[in-house]
Amino acid sequence: MRWGQRTYVMGILNVTPDSFSGDGVGDDVEAALARARQLAEEGADIIDIGGESTRPGAPPVSAEEELRRVIPVIERLAAELAVPISVDTCKSGVAEKALEAGAKMLNDQWGLKHDPRLAELAAKWNVPIILMSNQRDKGGYDAALKRDTADYNDPIAEITASLKGSLEIASQAGVPRENIILDPGIGFGKSWQHDLEIVWRLAELKELGRPLLIGPSGKSFIGKVLDLPVDDRLEGTAAVVAVGIVHGADMVRVHQVGPLVRVCRMCDAIIRKEAKWGLNR
């Protein structure tokens, strides 16, 4: 990935029955494959497959169940699609099997705080890893599952400290720094006001020296501002994506890939001197 030249788009593929966005395909492999093809056709640069819902209050899923959901899908997609696959998991056992099945990136929404062995896998396989700041982690993983929002004052200071901790764990495990992407974790233990502030102050996280990913797609802070249900937040998501790119986002993780690819291309054409878009692209 040529960071700084354009914004990369990660398409979300939930193989869960309880996705907050309502787009989970459950354990239907053929439905998952059809959805992945659609994401690829719409311009996704990478497809992120998750087998455990991360919505607030969602019950934890065992590693065995998560493997049952994601591995058949990853195997099929790796064999049939050219678009690389990421696995969204916080469990090293699931991540290892996913890499063996053909995944090319790890996405840890607990930033190595739940299972540091993910860092060892990223180093061993020499694959990129996304480390997210999850403010639900105060008091530990199990306590965090019961809590939506953590108490703190300055979201950027807290996120910076959290991500520095994740970077240190990755470094000690031998993960090359160039293989790390950072995610401030919009919606994970933050209030809706904090989420807005994160987007506005995103550039401050550039001091960490790594590419930034944001995942605003349909999140509750958009619903709070616009007073709209989750299935009617595309325009709000597009606005957050555009402002995020202006303030330093290098990758966006979204459900509705087609329209948001167009938002990214337009933003890149305006703000990135390196962007070289052809007239028919």
Protein backbone atom coordinates (compact mmCIF):
# COMPACT_ATOMS: atom_id res chain seq x y z
CA MET A 1 0.00 0.00 0.00
CA ARG A 2 1.32 3.39 -0.99
CA TRP A 3 0.37 5.42 2.03
CA GLY A 4 -0.35 9.08 1.38
CA GLN A 5 -1.12 8.64 -2.30
CA ARG A 6 -4.77 7.65 -1.90
CA THR A 7 -7.33 6.48 0.62
CA TYR A 8 -7.84 2.72 0.85
CA VAL A 9 -11.30 1.24 1.38
CA MET A 10 -11.90 -1.81 3.56
CA GLY A 11 -15.23 -3.50 2.93
CA ILE A 12 -16.95 -5.12 5.91
CA LEU A 13 -18.22 -8.69 5.65
CA ASN A 14 -19.94 -9.86 8.82
CA VAL A 15 -20.51 -13.59 9.05
CA THR A 16 -22.58 -13.14 12.20
CA PRO A 17 -26.29 -13.36 12.94
CA ASP A 18 -26.27 -10.21 15.10
CA SER A 19 -24.37 -7.42 13.32
CA PHE A 20 -25.40 -3.97 14.57
CA SER A 21 -25.83 -2.86 10.96
CA GLY A 22 -28.14 -5.73 10.10
CA ASP A 23 -25.94 -6.93 7.25
CA GLY A 24 -24.62 -10.13 8.80
CA VAL A 25 -24.91 -13.19 6.57
CA GLY A 26 -24.67 -15.72 9.38
CA ASP A 27 -23.14 -19.04 8.37
CA ASP A 28 -24.36 -18.90 4.76
CA VAL A 29 -21.11 -19.31 2.82
CA GLU A 30 -22.71 -18.69 -0.55
CA ALA A 31 -24.32 -15.46 0.68
CA ALA A 32 -20.96 -14.39 2.08
CA LEU A 33 -19.25 -15.11 -1.22
CA ALA A 34 -21.89 -13.14 -3.14
CA ARG A 35 -21.50 -10.20 -0.75
CA ALA A 36 -17.70 -10.33 -1.07
CA ARG A 37 -17.94 -10.30 -4.87
CA GLN A 38 -20.17 -7.24 -4.63
CA LEU A 39 -17.69 -5.46 -2.35
CA ALA A 40 -14.85 -6.26 -4.75
CA GLU A 41 -16.81 -5.04 -7.77
CA GLU A 42 -17.63 -1.81 -5.97
CA GLY A 43 -13.94 -1.11 -5.41
CA ALA A 44 -12.97 -2.50 -2.02
CA ASP A 45 -9.19 -2.71 -1.62
CA ILE A 46 -9.49 -5.31 1.12
CA ILE A 47 -12.35 -7.32 2.64
CA ASP A 48 -12.54 -7.61 6.43
CA ILE A 49 -14.28 -10.76 7.67
CA GLY A 50 -15.58 -10.91 11.21
CA GLY A 51 -17.27 -13.78 13.02
CA GLU A 52 -18.02 -12.07 16.34
CA SER A 53 -20.25 -9.03 16.74
CA THR A 54 -18.60 -6.06 18.46
CA ARG A 55 -21.81 -4.12 19.05
CA PRO A 56 -22.29 -2.96 22.66
CA GLY A 57 -23.82 -5.70 24.76
CA ALA A 58 -23.17 -8.48 22.25
CA PRO A 59 -22.48 -11.84 23.93
CA PRO A 60 -18.96 -13.23 23.51
CA VAL A 61 -18.44 -15.99 20.97
CA SER A 62 -16.21 -18.99 21.56
CA ALA A 63 -13.15 -19.52 19.39
CA GLU A 64 -14.71 -22.72 18.08
CA GLU A 65 -17.86 -20.94 16.93
CA GLU A 66 -15.90 -18.06 15.44
CA LEU A 67 -13.76 -20.53 13.48
CA ARG A 68 -16.86 -22.34 12.24
CA ARG A 69 -18.18 -19.07 10.88
CA VAL A 70 -15.09 -17.52 9.29
CA ILE A 71 -12.80 -20.30 8.03
CA PRO A 72 -15.05 -21.72 5.26
CA VAL A 73 -15.65 -18.19 3.99
CA ILE A 74 -11.97 -17.23 4.03
CA GLU A 75 -10.99 -20.44 2.23
CA ARG A 76 -13.51 -19.80 -0.55
CA LEU A 77 -12.70 -16.12 -0.92
CA ALA A 78 -8.94 -16.67 -0.93
CA ALA A 79 -9.36 -19.17 -3.74
CA GLU A 80 -11.81 -17.17 -5.83
CA LEU A 81 -11.09 -13.45 -5.32
CA ALA A 82 -8.00 -11.36 -6.00
CA VAL A 83 -8.91 -8.83 -3.30
CA PRO A 84 -6.90 -9.56 -0.13
CA ILE A 85 -8.71 -10.67 3.01
CA SER A 86 -8.42 -9.37 6.54
CA VAL A 87 -9.73 -11.22 9.58
CA ASP A 88 -11.39 -9.21 12.34
CA THR A 89 -10.65 -11.13 15.54
CA CYS A 90 -9.12 -10.69 18.96
CA LYS A 91 -8.27 -14.38 19.36
CA SER A 92 -4.87 -15.71 18.28
CA GLY A 93 -6.26 -19.20 17.70
CA VAL A 94 -8.78 -17.85 15.22
CA ALA A 95 -6.20 -15.57 13.61
CA GLU A 96 -3.73 -18.41 13.05
CA LYS A 97 -6.30 -20.61 11.33
CA ALA A 98 -7.45 -17.63 9.25
CA LEU A 99 -3.91 -16.96 8.06
CA GLU A 100 -3.52 -20.62 7.17
CA ALA A 101 -6.81 -20.39 5.21
CA GLY A 102 -5.59 -17.41 3.18
CA ALA A 103 -6.09 -14.19 5.16
CA LYS A 104 -3.44 -11.52 4.52
CA MET A 105 -4.09 -9.05 7.35
CA LEU A 106 -5.11 -9.09 11.02
CA ASN A 107 -7.56 -6.61 12.54
CA ASP A 108 -7.49 -6.59 16.34
CA GLN A 109 -10.17 -4.37 17.85
CA TRP A 110 -8.56 -4.77 21.28
CA GLY A 111 -5.13 -3.52 20.20
CA LEU A 112 -3.30 -6.62 21.54
CA LYS A 113 -4.65 -5.92 25.06
CA HIS A 114 -6.85 -9.03 25.08
CA ASP A 115 -4.52 -11.52 23.38
CA PRO A 116 -0.93 -10.30 22.86
CA ARG A 117 -0.13 -13.51 20.97
CA LEU A 118 -1.69 -11.88 17.92
CA ALA A 119 1.48 -9.80 17.70
CA GLU A 120 3.59 -12.95 17.56
CA LEU A 121 1.47 -14.22 14.69
CA ALA A 122 1.77 -10.94 12.79
CA ALA A 123 5.55 -11.13 13.20
CA LYS A 124 5.77 -14.80 12.24
CA TRP A 125 3.62 -14.41 9.13
CA ASN A 126 4.94 -10.94 8.30
CA VAL A 127 1.44 -9.59 7.69
CA PRO A 128 -0.05 -6.15 8.39
CA ILE A 129 -1.99 -5.76 11.61
CA ILE A 130 -4.53 -3.11 12.56
CA LEU A 131 -4.34 -2.07 16.21
CA MET A 132 -7.39 -0.32 17.58
CA SER A 133 -7.79 1.79 20.69
CA ASN A 134 -10.71 0.30 22.57
CA GLN A 135 -11.68 2.37 25.59
CA ARG A 136 -13.97 -0.43 26.74
CA ASP A 137 -10.77 -2.12 27.97
CA LYS A 138 -10.71 -0.26 31.28
CA GLY A 139 -11.04 -2.89 33.97
CA GLY A 140 -10.32 -5.76 31.61
CA TYR A 141 -11.91 -7.54 28.70
CA ASP A 142 -14.70 -9.30 30.60
CA ALA A 143 -15.80 -6.15 32.43
CA ALA A 144 -15.66 -4.19 29.19
CA LEU A 145 -18.21 -6.45 27.54
CA LYS A 146 -20.78 -5.11 30.00
CA ARG A 147 -19.95 -1.43 29.46
CA ASP A 148 -20.60 0.89 26.53
CA THR A 149 -18.65 4.02 27.50
CA ALA A 150 -15.55 4.54 29.63
CA ASP A 151 -15.02 7.62 31.79
CA TYR A 152 -12.19 9.91 30.71
CA ASN A 153 -11.54 13.55 29.92
CA ASP A 154 -9.42 13.96 26.78
CA PRO A 155 -10.18 11.34 24.13
CA ILE A 156 -7.10 12.02 22.00
CA ALA A 157 -4.72 11.84 24.96
CA GLU A 158 -6.35 8.60 26.07
CA ILE A 159 -6.30 7.12 22.58
CA THR A 160 -2.68 8.16 22.03
CA ALA A 161 -1.62 6.47 25.26
CA SER A 162 -3.60 3.35 24.40
CA LEU A 163 -2.11 3.08 20.91
CA LYS A 164 1.41 3.66 22.23
CA GLY A 165 0.87 0.70 24.53
CA SER A 166 -0.28 -1.43 21.60
CA LEU A 167 2.72 -0.34 19.53
CA GLU A 168 5.04 -1.37 22.35
CA ILE A 169 3.50 -4.84 22.59
CA ALA A 170 3.84 -5.24 18.82
CA SER A 171 7.43 -4.02 18.83
CA GLN A 172 8.45 -6.42 21.59
CA ALA A 173 6.96 -9.30 19.57
CA GLY A 174 9.01 -8.33 16.52
CA VAL A 175 6.25 -6.85 14.34
CA PRO A 176 7.89 -4.54 11.76
CA ARG A 177 6.68 -1.00 12.34
CA GLU A 178 5.80 -0.65 8.66
CA ASN A 179 3.28 -3.49 9.08
CA ILE A 180 1.19 -1.60 11.65
CA ILE A 181 -1.97 0.43 10.98
CA LEU A 182 -3.63 2.34 13.82
CA ASP A 183 -7.35 2.81 14.48
CA PRO A 184 -8.65 5.31 17.08
CA GLY A 185 -11.70 3.10 17.61
CA ILE A 186 -14.67 5.33 16.90
CA GLY A 187 -17.59 4.13 18.98
CA PHE A 188 -15.65 1.75 21.22
CA GLY A 189 -16.04 3.08 24.73
CA LYS A 190 -16.42 6.70 23.59
CA SER A 191 -19.39 8.98 23.93
CA TRP A 192 -20.94 10.38 20.75
CA GLN A 193 -19.37 13.75 21.54
CA HIS A 194 -15.97 12.09 21.85
CA ASP A 195 -16.45 10.39 18.47
CA LEU A 196 -17.05 13.76 16.83
CA GLU A 197 -13.95 15.16 18.53
CA ILE A 198 -11.83 12.23 17.37
CA VAL A 199 -12.69 12.89 13.74
CA TRP A 200 -11.94 16.61 14.12
CA ARG A 201 -8.62 16.00 15.94
CA LEU A 202 -7.53 12.94 13.95
CA ALA A 203 -4.40 14.70 12.64
CA GLU A 204 -2.97 14.73 16.18
CA LEU A 205 -2.60 10.95 15.99
CA LYS A 206 -0.22 11.36 13.05
CA GLU A 207 2.51 11.94 15.64
CA LEU A 208 2.48 8.16 16.17
CA GLY A 209 3.99 7.81 12.70
CA ARG A 210 1.71 5.11 11.32
CA PRO A 211 -1.19 5.07 8.81
CA LEU A 212 -4.61 5.72 10.33
CA LEU A 213 -7.82 3.78 9.75
CA ILE A 214 -11.26 5.01 10.78
CA GLY A 215 -14.43 2.95 10.99
CA PRO A 216 -17.40 5.32 11.24
CA SER A 217 -19.82 3.29 9.12
CA GLY A 218 -23.35 3.78 10.45
CA LYS A 219 -22.13 4.27 14.02
CA SER A 220 -24.41 5.56 16.76
CA PHE A 221 -22.82 9.02 16.92
CA ILE A 222 -24.09 9.62 13.37
CA GLY A 223 -27.55 8.50 14.41
CA LYS A 224 -27.38 10.78 17.43
CA VAL A 225 -26.51 13.85 15.36
CA LEU A 226 -28.96 13.17 12.52
CA ASP A 227 -31.66 11.35 14.53
CA LEU A 228 -31.71 8.53 12.00
CA PRO A 229 -31.83 4.72 12.24
CA VAL A 230 -28.79 2.65 11.38
CA ASP A 231 -30.02 1.83 7.86
CA ASP A 232 -30.32 5.52 6.94
CA ARG A 233 -26.89 6.87 7.83
CA LEU A 234 -25.05 6.73 4.50
CA GLU A 235 -24.82 10.49 4.02
CA GLY A 236 -23.67 10.95 7.61
CA THR A 237 -21.04 8.27 7.13
CA ALA A 238 -19.90 9.93 3.90
CA ALA A 239 -19.48 13.25 5.71
CA VAL A 240 -17.37 11.63 8.43
CA VAL A 241 -15.25 9.81 5.83
CA ALA A 242 -14.62 13.06 3.93
CA VAL A 243 -13.66 15.04 7.04
CA GLY A 244 -11.56 12.11 8.26
CA ILE A 245 -9.59 12.03 5.01
CA VAL A 246 -8.97 15.78 5.23
CA HIS A 247 -7.62 15.27 8.74
CA GLY A 248 -5.36 12.34 7.92
CA ALA A 249 -7.25 9.06 7.49
CA ASP A 250 -5.42 6.65 5.19
CA MET A 251 -8.03 3.87 5.18
CA VAL A 252 -11.75 3.70 5.89
CA ARG A 253 -13.67 0.62 7.02
CA VAL A 254 -17.23 0.73 5.67
CA HIS A 255 -20.31 -1.32 4.85
CA GLN A 256 -21.52 0.57 1.74
CA VAL A 257 -18.41 0.41 -0.39
CA GLY A 258 -19.60 1.75 -3.76
CA PRO A 259 -20.69 5.26 -2.79
CA LEU A 260 -17.91 5.65 -0.25
CA VAL A 261 -15.23 4.68 -2.77
CA ARG A 262 -16.48 7.63 -4.81
CA VAL A 263 -16.29 9.90 -1.77
CA CYS A 264 -12.69 8.80 -1.17
CA ARG A 265 -11.67 9.35 -4.79
CA MET A 266 -13.15 12.83 -4.84
CA CYS A 267 -11.44 13.75 -1.57
CA ASP A 268 -8.14 12.35 -2.80
CA ALA A 269 -8.35 14.33 -6.03
CA ILE A 270 -8.73 17.53 -4.00
CA ILE A 271 -6.26 17.07 -1.15
CA ARG A 272 -3.60 14.58 -2.26
CA LYS A 273 -1.05 15.97 -4.69
CA GLU A 274 0.09 12.43 -5.41
CA ALA A 275 -3.40 11.33 -6.53
CA LYS A 276 -3.36 10.61 -10.27
CA TRP A 277 -6.89 9.69 -11.27
CA GLY A 278 -7.63 8.85 -14.90
CA LEU A 279 -10.73 10.40 -16.43
CA ASN A 280 -12.44 7.03 -16.80
CA ARG A 281 -11.49 5.63 -13.40
